[in-house]
Amino acid sequence: MKKQGHPPYQEVLFIDESSQDKWVCRSTYQTDERETFEGQEYPVCRVAISGYSHPAYTGTQQFVDTEGRIDKFRRKYQRGKKSS
């Protein structure tokens, strides 16, 4: 393997911007921003959404149905029928 061909594989501090959760994981991500976490300094990768804040993983996803799916379906398919 070439010595200059790959970025260093190192521990990186990931910060979820929406929930402010932090965790350390190994990555090749490169940045100049650094932050101290649990007594050690790490390069920082800020993410907009992660497993800590994604609705599918947290169970907080809400479906707001203002019209009612069944009523909407019935109206859509009642248009072509003639009433007797």
PDB file of N, CA and C in Angstrom:
ATOM      1  N   MET A   1       0.845  -1.179   0.000  1.00  0.00           N
ATOM      2  CA  MET A   1       0.000   0.000   0.000  1.00  0.00           C
ATOM      3  C   MET A   1       0.889   1.241   0.000  1.00  0.00           C
ATOM      4  N   LYS A   2       0.511   2.231  -0.800  1.00  0.00           N
ATOM      5  CA  LYS A   2       1.281   3.468  -0.870  1.00  0.00           C
ATOM      6  C   LYS A   2       1.151   4.242   0.434  1.00  0.00           C
ATOM      7  N   LYS A   3       2.233   4.842   0.862  1.00  0.00           N
ATOM      8  CA  LYS A   3       2.196   5.605   2.111  1.00  0.00           C
ATOM      9  C   LYS A   3       1.400   6.908   1.966  1.00  0.00           C
ATOM     10  N   GLN A   4       1.440   7.548   0.808  1.00  0.00           N
ATOM     11  CA  GLN A   4       0.735   8.817   0.607  1.00  0.00           C
ATOM     12  C   GLN A   4      -0.612   8.629  -0.092  1.00  0.00           C
ATOM     13  N   GLY A   5      -1.039   7.415  -0.325  1.00  0.00           N
ATOM     14  CA  GLY A   5      -2.256   7.166  -1.084  1.00  0.00           C
ATOM     15  C   GLY A   5      -3.536   7.269  -0.289  1.00  0.00           C
ATOM     16  N   HIS A   6      -3.480   7.149   1.023  1.00  0.00           N
ATOM     17  CA  HIS A   6      -4.691   7.127   1.829  1.00  0.00           C
ATOM     18  C   HIS A   6      -4.583   8.104   2.995  1.00  0.00           C
ATOM     19  N   PRO A   7      -5.697   8.750   3.359  1.00  0.00           N
ATOM     20  CA  PRO A   7      -5.675   9.614   4.538  1.00  0.00           C
ATOM     21  C   PRO A   7      -5.548   8.774   5.806  1.00  0.00           C
ATOM     22  N   PRO A   8      -5.098   9.368   6.888  1.00  0.00           N
ATOM     23  CA  PRO A   8      -4.939   8.592   8.134  1.00  0.00           C
ATOM     24  C   PRO A   8      -6.292   8.158   8.699  1.00  0.00           C
ATOM     25  N   TYR A   9      -6.324   6.941   9.190  1.00  0.00           N
ATOM     26  CA  TYR A   9      -7.513   6.384   9.838  1.00  0.00           C
ATOM     27  C   TYR A   9      -7.376   6.687  11.316  1.00  0.00           C
ATOM     28  N   GLN A  10      -8.235   7.549  11.848  1.00  0.00           N
ATOM     29  CA  GLN A  10      -8.073   8.062  13.202  1.00  0.00           C
ATOM     30  C   GLN A  10      -9.413   8.151  13.912  1.00  0.00           C
ATOM     31  N   GLU A  11      -9.367   8.381  15.208  1.00  0.00           N
ATOM     32  CA  GLU A  11     -10.593   8.597  15.971  1.00  0.00           C
ATOM     33  C   GLU A  11     -11.079  10.019  15.713  1.00  0.00           C
ATOM     34  N   VAL A  12     -12.382  10.152  15.431  1.00  0.00           N
ATOM     35  CA  VAL A  12     -12.997  11.440  15.117  1.00  0.00           C
ATOM     36  C   VAL A  12     -14.216  11.623  16.016  1.00  0.00           C
ATOM     37  N   LEU A  13     -14.416  12.839  16.506  1.00  0.00           N
ATOM     38  CA  LEU A  13     -15.585  13.177  17.322  1.00  0.00           C
ATOM     39  C   LEU A  13     -16.702  13.622  16.393  1.00  0.00           C
ATOM     40  N   PHE A  14     -17.811  12.892  16.400  1.00  0.00           N
ATOM     41  CA  PHE A  14     -18.979  13.253  15.603  1.00  0.00           C
ATOM     42  C   PHE A  14     -19.966  13.979  16.509  1.00  0.00           C
ATOM     43  N   ILE A  15     -20.509  15.086  16.030  1.00  0.00           N
ATOM     44  CA  ILE A  15     -21.473  15.873  16.797  1.00  0.00           C
ATOM     45  C   ILE A  15     -22.744  16.012  15.968  1.00  0.00           C
ATOM     46  N   ASP A  16     -23.867  15.558  16.526  1.00  0.00           N
ATOM     47  CA  ASP A  16     -25.166  15.709  15.886  1.00  0.00           C
ATOM     48  C   ASP A  16     -25.657  17.123  16.172  1.00  0.00           C
ATOM     49  N   GLU A  17     -25.800  17.935  15.134  1.00  0.00           N
ATOM     50  CA  GLU A  17     -26.178  19.338  15.304  1.00  0.00           C
ATOM     51  C   GLU A  17     -27.599  19.516  15.834  1.00  0.00           C
ATOM     52  N   SER A  18     -28.506  18.599  15.532  1.00  0.00           N
ATOM     53  CA  SER A  18     -29.882  18.794  15.968  1.00  0.00           C
ATOM     54  C   SER A  18     -30.121  18.354  17.411  1.00  0.00           C
ATOM     55  N   SER A  19     -29.391  17.347  17.898  1.00  0.00           N
ATOM     56  CA  SER A  19     -29.606  16.891  19.272  1.00  0.00           C
ATOM     57  C   SER A  19     -28.409  17.148  20.188  1.00  0.00           C
ATOM     58  N   GLN A  20     -27.294  17.613  19.619  1.00  0.00           N
ATOM     59  CA  GLN A  20     -26.053  17.896  20.353  1.00  0.00           C
ATOM     60  C   GLN A  20     -25.444  16.646  20.999  1.00  0.00           C
ATOM     61  N   ASP A  21     -25.805  15.468  20.523  1.00  0.00           N
ATOM     62  CA  ASP A  21     -25.171  14.232  20.999  1.00  0.00           C
ATOM     63  C   ASP A  21     -23.783  14.128  20.392  1.00  0.00           C
ATOM     64  N   LYS A  22     -22.869  13.509  21.128  1.00  0.00           N
ATOM     65  CA  LYS A  22     -21.490  13.362  20.672  1.00  0.00           C
ATOM     66  C   LYS A  22     -21.059  11.919  20.832  1.00  0.00           C
ATOM     67  N   TRP A  23     -20.245  11.433  19.878  1.00  0.00           N
ATOM     68  CA  TRP A  23     -19.667  10.101  19.976  1.00  0.00           C
ATOM     69  C   TRP A  23     -18.373  10.064  19.185  1.00  0.00           C
ATOM     70  N   VAL A  24     -17.514   9.153  19.577  1.00  0.00           N
ATOM     71  CA  VAL A  24     -16.216   8.992  18.930  1.00  0.00           C
ATOM     72  C   VAL A  24     -16.255   7.722  18.098  1.00  0.00           C
ATOM     73  N   CYS A  25     -15.775   7.849  16.869  1.00  0.00           N
ATOM     74  CA  CYS A  25     -15.730   6.718  15.950  1.00  0.00           C
ATOM     75  C   CYS A  25     -14.494   6.887  15.071  1.00  0.00           C
ATOM     76  N   ARG A  26     -13.972   5.801  14.571  1.00  0.00           N
ATOM     77  CA  ARG A  26     -12.804   5.884  13.709  1.00  0.00           C
ATOM     78  C   ARG A  26     -13.240   6.216  12.288  1.00  0.00           C
ATOM     79  N   SER A  27     -12.467   7.113  11.626  1.00  0.00           N
ATOM     80  CA  SER A  27     -12.812   7.559  10.291  1.00  0.00           C
ATOM     81  C   SER A  27     -11.585   8.142   9.610  1.00  0.00           C
ATOM     82  N   THR A  28     -11.678   8.354   8.307  1.00  0.00           N
ATOM     83  CA  THR A  28     -10.619   9.034   7.560  1.00  0.00           C
ATOM     84  C   THR A  28     -10.982  10.496   7.322  1.00  0.00           C
ATOM     85  N   TYR A  29     -12.055  10.976   7.959  1.00  0.00           N
ATOM     86  CA  TYR A  29     -12.501  12.363   7.800  1.00  0.00           C
ATOM     87  C   TYR A  29     -11.397  13.327   8.220  1.00  0.00           C
ATOM     88  N   GLN A  30     -11.148  14.345   7.391  1.00  0.00           N
ATOM     89  CA  GLN A  30     -10.098  15.322   7.656  1.00  0.00           C
ATOM     90  C   GLN A  30     -10.710  16.697   7.906  1.00  0.00           C
ATOM     91  N   THR A  31     -10.290  17.360   8.970  1.00  0.00           N
ATOM     92  CA  THR A  31     -10.772  18.692   9.297  1.00  0.00           C
ATOM     93  C   THR A  31      -9.742  19.394  10.167  1.00  0.00           C
ATOM     94  N   ASP A  32      -9.820  20.711  10.197  1.00  0.00           N
ATOM     95  CA  ASP A  32      -8.936  21.499  11.058  1.00  0.00           C
ATOM     96  C   ASP A  32      -9.581  21.770  12.417  1.00  0.00           C
ATOM     97  N   GLU A  33     -10.900  21.623  12.499  1.00  0.00           N
ATOM     98  CA  GLU A  33     -11.620  21.871  13.750  1.00  0.00           C
ATOM     99  C   GLU A  33     -11.337  20.742  14.735  1.00  0.00           C
ATOM    100  N   ARG A  34     -11.020  21.107  15.961  1.00  0.00           N
ATOM    101  CA  ARG A  34     -10.730  20.119  17.004  1.00  0.00           C
ATOM    102  C   ARG A  34     -11.496  20.498  18.260  1.00  0.00           C
ATOM    103  N   GLU A  35     -11.839  19.484  19.045  1.00  0.00           N
ATOM    104  CA  GLU A  35     -12.579  19.715  20.292  1.00  0.00           C
ATOM    105  C   GLU A  35     -12.175  18.648  21.303  1.00  0.00           C
ATOM    106  N   THR A  36     -12.189  19.035  22.585  1.00  0.00           N
ATOM    107  CA  THR A  36     -11.865  18.101  23.658  1.00  0.00           C
ATOM    108  C   THR A  36     -13.144  17.402  24.110  1.00  0.00           C
ATOM    109  N   PHE A  37     -13.073  16.075  24.194  1.00  0.00           N
ATOM    110  CA  PHE A  37     -14.213  15.262  24.609  1.00  0.00           C
ATOM    111  C   PHE A  37     -13.687  14.163  25.522  1.00  0.00           C
ATOM    112  N   GLU A  38     -14.210  14.101  26.729  1.00  0.00           N
ATOM    113  CA  GLU A  38     -13.807  13.121  27.741  1.00  0.00           C
ATOM    114  C   GLU A  38     -12.293  13.100  27.953  1.00  0.00           C
ATOM    115  N   GLY A  39     -11.706  14.293  28.001  1.00  0.00           N
ATOM    116  CA  GLY A  39     -10.300  14.432  28.326  1.00  0.00           C
ATOM    117  C   GLY A  39      -9.328  14.271  27.176  1.00  0.00           C
ATOM    118  N   GLN A  40      -9.805  14.000  25.960  1.00  0.00           N
ATOM    119  CA  GLN A  40      -8.923  13.878  24.812  1.00  0.00           C
ATOM    120  C   GLN A  40      -9.377  14.817  23.708  1.00  0.00           C
ATOM    121  N   GLU A  41      -8.424  15.261  22.904  1.00  0.00           N
ATOM    122  CA  GLU A  41      -8.734  16.159  21.800  1.00  0.00           C
ATOM    123  C   GLU A  41      -8.892  15.351  20.511  1.00  0.00           C
ATOM    124  N   TYR A  42      -9.977  15.628  19.776  1.00  0.00           N
ATOM    125  CA  TYR A  42     -10.284  14.908  18.548  1.00  0.00           C
ATOM    126  C   TYR A  42     -10.596  15.889  17.428  1.00  0.00           C
ATOM    127  N   PRO A  43     -10.389  15.483  16.167  1.00  0.00           N
ATOM    128  CA  PRO A  43     -10.938  16.255  15.051  1.00  0.00           C
ATOM    129  C   PRO A  43     -12.461  16.119  15.093  1.00  0.00           C
ATOM    130  N   VAL A  44     -13.175  17.147  14.641  1.00  0.00           N
ATOM    131  CA  VAL A  44     -14.634  17.183  14.777  1.00  0.00           C
ATOM    132  C   VAL A  44     -15.303  17.076  13.412  1.00  0.00           C
ATOM    133  N   CYS A  45     -16.338  16.233  13.343  1.00  0.00           N
ATOM    134  CA  CYS A  45     -17.201  16.129  12.170  1.00  0.00           C
ATOM    135  C   CYS A  45     -18.617  16.442  12.633  1.00  0.00           C
ATOM    136  N   ARG A  46     -19.184  17.501  12.111  1.00  0.00           N
ATOM    137  CA  ARG A  46     -20.544  17.897  12.482  1.00  0.00           C
ATOM    138  C   ARG A  46     -21.520  17.325  11.456  1.00  0.00           C
ATOM    139  N   VAL A  47     -22.554  16.633  11.944  1.00  0.00           N
ATOM    140  CA  VAL A  47     -23.563  16.046  11.067  1.00  0.00           C
ATOM    141  C   VAL A  47     -24.926  16.657  11.370  1.00  0.00           C
ATOM    142  N   ALA A  48     -25.743  16.819  10.340  1.00  0.00           N
ATOM    143  CA  ALA A  48     -27.056  17.444  10.510  1.00  0.00           C
ATOM    144  C   ALA A  48     -28.038  16.512  11.201  1.00  0.00           C
ATOM    145  N   ILE A  49     -27.953  15.222  10.910  1.00  0.00           N
ATOM    146  CA  ILE A  49     -28.884  14.262  11.485  1.00  0.00           C
ATOM    147  C   ILE A  49     -28.164  12.924  11.639  1.00  0.00           C
ATOM    148  N   SER A  50     -28.502  12.205  12.682  1.00  0.00           N
ATOM    149  CA  SER A  50     -27.868  10.912  12.934  1.00  0.00           C
ATOM    150  C   SER A  50     -28.892   9.970  13.553  1.00  0.00           C
ATOM    151  N   GLY A  51     -28.448   8.826  13.989  1.00  0.00           N
ATOM    152  CA  GLY A  51     -29.334   7.875  14.645  1.00  0.00           C
ATOM    153  C   GLY A  51     -29.900   8.402  15.957  1.00  0.00           C
ATOM    154  N   TYR A  52     -29.248   9.401  16.549  1.00  0.00           N
ATOM    155  CA  TYR A  52     -29.742   9.997  17.795  1.00  0.00           C
ATOM    156  C   TYR A  52     -30.933  10.918  17.553  1.00  0.00           C
ATOM    157  N   SER A  53     -31.043  11.476  16.344  1.00  0.00           N
ATOM    158  CA  SER A  53     -32.100  12.454  16.102  1.00  0.00           C
ATOM    159  C   SER A  53     -33.015  12.110  14.933  1.00  0.00           C
ATOM    160  N   HIS A  54     -32.714  11.075  14.159  1.00  0.00           N
ATOM    161  CA  HIS A  54     -33.545  10.729  13.001  1.00  0.00           C
ATOM    162  C   HIS A  54     -34.866  10.142  13.477  1.00  0.00           C
ATOM    163  N   PRO A  55     -35.990  10.642  12.946  1.00  0.00           N
ATOM    164  CA  PRO A  55     -37.304  10.169  13.407  1.00  0.00           C
ATOM    165  C   PRO A  55     -37.521   8.668  13.260  1.00  0.00           C
ATOM    166  N   ALA A  56     -36.935   8.052  12.268  1.00  0.00           N
ATOM    167  CA  ALA A  56     -37.129   6.612  12.078  1.00  0.00           C
ATOM    168  C   ALA A  56     -36.475   5.813  13.198  1.00  0.00           C
ATOM    169  N   TYR A  57     -35.399   6.326  13.780  1.00  0.00           N
ATOM    170  CA  TYR A  57     -34.700   5.618  14.847  1.00  0.00           C
ATOM    171  C   TYR A  57     -35.198   6.001  16.236  1.00  0.00           C
ATOM    172  N   THR A  58     -35.712   7.211  16.381  1.00  0.00           N
ATOM    173  CA  THR A  58     -36.156   7.664  17.696  1.00  0.00           C
ATOM    174  C   THR A  58     -37.612   7.337  17.972  1.00  0.00           C
ATOM    175  N   GLY A  59     -38.380   7.025  16.934  1.00  0.00           N
ATOM    176  CA  GLY A  59     -39.797   6.712  17.115  1.00  0.00           C
ATOM    177  C   GLY A  59     -40.663   7.937  17.280  1.00  0.00           C
ATOM    178  N   THR A  60     -40.158   9.101  16.951  1.00  0.00           N
ATOM    179  CA  THR A  60     -40.919  10.343  17.112  1.00  0.00           C
ATOM    180  C   THR A  60     -41.548  10.809  15.819  1.00  0.00           C
ATOM    181  N   GLN A  61     -41.461   9.984  14.765  1.00  0.00           N
ATOM    182  CA  GLN A  61     -42.017  10.379  13.483  1.00  0.00           C
ATOM    183  C   GLN A  61     -43.530  10.429  13.589  1.00  0.00           C
ATOM    184  N   GLN A  62     -44.101  11.502  13.094  1.00  0.00           N
ATOM    185  CA  GLN A  62     -45.545  11.658  13.160  1.00  0.00           C
ATOM    186  C   GLN A  62     -46.075  11.912  11.758  1.00  0.00           C
ATOM    187  N   PHE A  63     -47.136  11.243  11.420  1.00  0.00           N
ATOM    188  CA  PHE A  63     -47.796  11.461  10.148  1.00  0.00           C
ATOM    189  C   PHE A  63     -49.025  12.304  10.417  1.00  0.00           C
ATOM    190  N   VAL A  64     -49.056  13.489   9.869  1.00  0.00           N
ATOM    191  CA  VAL A  64     -50.181  14.382  10.073  1.00  0.00           C
ATOM    192  C   VAL A  64     -51.093  14.245   8.862  1.00  0.00           C
ATOM    193  N   ASP A  65     -52.252  13.663   9.088  1.00  0.00           N
ATOM    194  CA  ASP A  65     -53.218  13.443   8.023  1.00  0.00           C
ATOM    195  C   ASP A  65     -54.381  14.390   8.261  1.00  0.00           C
ATOM    196  N   THR A  66     -54.410  15.485   7.536  1.00  0.00           N
ATOM    197  CA  THR A  66     -55.433  16.497   7.768  1.00  0.00           C
ATOM    198  C   THR A  66     -56.741  16.164   7.078  1.00  0.00           C
ATOM    199  N   GLU A  67     -56.674  15.369   6.019  1.00  0.00           N
ATOM    200  CA  GLU A  67     -57.887  15.117   5.256  1.00  0.00           C
ATOM    201  C   GLU A  67     -58.464  13.729   5.490  1.00  0.00           C
ATOM    202  N   GLY A  68     -57.693  12.805   5.909  1.00  0.00           N
ATOM    203  CA  GLY A  68     -58.172  11.441   6.081  1.00  0.00           C
ATOM    204  C   GLY A  68     -57.945  10.651   4.805  1.00  0.00           C
ATOM    205  N   ARG A  69     -57.087   9.660   4.873  1.00  0.00           N
ATOM    206  CA  ARG A  69     -56.703   8.933   3.659  1.00  0.00           C
ATOM    207  C   ARG A  69     -57.860   8.145   3.066  1.00  0.00           C
ATOM    208  N   ILE A  70     -58.700   7.575   3.901  1.00  0.00           N
ATOM    209  CA  ILE A  70     -59.815   6.770   3.385  1.00  0.00           C
ATOM    210  C   ILE A  70     -60.828   7.659   2.689  1.00  0.00           C
ATOM    211  N   ASP A  71     -61.181   8.780   3.302  1.00  0.00           N
ATOM    212  CA  ASP A  71     -62.124   9.704   2.678  1.00  0.00           C
ATOM    213  C   ASP A  71     -61.575  10.257   1.370  1.00  0.00           C
ATOM    214  N   LYS A  72     -60.320  10.556   1.341  1.00  0.00           N
ATOM    215  CA  LYS A  72     -59.679  11.070   0.126  1.00  0.00           C
ATOM    216  C   LYS A  72     -59.729  10.017  -0.978  1.00  0.00           C
ATOM    217  N   PHE A  73     -59.463   8.757  -0.648  1.00  0.00           N
ATOM    218  CA  PHE A  73     -59.517   7.663  -1.612  1.00  0.00           C
ATOM    219  C   PHE A  73     -60.937   7.508  -2.161  1.00  0.00           C
ATOM    220  N   ARG A  74     -61.918   7.519  -1.287  1.00  0.00           N
ATOM    221  CA  ARG A  74     -63.308   7.351  -1.730  1.00  0.00           C
ATOM    222  C   ARG A  74     -63.751   8.480  -2.644  1.00  0.00           C
ATOM    223  N   ARG A  75     -63.413   9.719  -2.322  1.00  0.00           N
ATOM    224  CA  ARG A  75     -63.765  10.856  -3.175  1.00  0.00           C
ATOM    225  C   ARG A  75     -63.104  10.753  -4.540  1.00  0.00           C
ATOM    226  N   LYS A  76     -61.863  10.283  -4.548  1.00  0.00           N
ATOM    227  CA  LYS A  76     -61.115  10.176  -5.803  1.00  0.00           C
ATOM    228  C   LYS A  76     -61.779   9.180  -6.747  1.00  0.00           C
ATOM    229  N   TYR A  77     -62.245   8.057  -6.218  1.00  0.00           N
ATOM    230  CA  TYR A  77     -62.803   7.022  -7.071  1.00  0.00           C
ATOM    231  C   TYR A  77     -64.327   7.080  -7.184  1.00  0.00           C
ATOM    232  N   GLN A  78     -64.978   7.999  -6.506  1.00  0.00           N
ATOM    233  CA  GLN A  78     -66.417   8.193  -6.654  1.00  0.00           C
ATOM    234  C   GLN A  78     -66.730   9.140  -7.816  1.00  0.00           C
ATOM    235  N   ARG A  79     -65.780   9.840  -8.331  1.00  0.00           N
ATOM    236  CA  ARG A  79     -66.006  10.848  -9.388  1.00  0.00           C
ATOM    237  C   ARG A  79     -66.586  10.233 -10.646  1.00  0.00           C
ATOM    238  N   GLY A  80     -66.085   9.057 -11.039  1.00  0.00           N
ATOM    239  CA  GLY A  80     -66.514   8.445 -12.292  1.00  0.00           C
ATOM    240  C   GLY A  80     -67.837   7.712 -12.203  1.00  0.00           C
ATOM    241  N   LYS A  81     -68.311   7.408 -11.021  1.00  0.00           N
ATOM    242  CA  LYS A  81     -69.559   6.644 -10.853  1.00  0.00           C
ATOM    243  C   LYS A  81     -70.764   7.586 -10.870  1.00  0.00           C
ATOM    244  N   LYS A  82     -71.834   7.122 -11.473  1.00  0.00           N
ATOM    245  CA  LYS A  82     -73.072   7.896 -11.463  1.00  0.00           C
ATOM    246  C   LYS A  82     -73.913   7.451 -10.283  1.00  0.00           C
ATOM    247  N   SER A  83     -74.519   8.392  -9.624  1.00  0.00           N
ATOM    248  CA  SER A  83     -75.393   8.030  -8.498  1.00  0.00           C
ATOM    249  C   SER A  83     -76.761   7.678  -9.014  1.00  0.00           C
ATOM    250  N   SER A  84     -77.438   6.655  -8.439  1.00  0.00           N
ATOM    251  CA  SER A  84     -78.749   6.238  -8.918  1.00  0.00           C
ATOM    252  C   SER A  84     -79.857   6.775  -8.056  1.00  0.00           C
TER     253      SER A  84
END
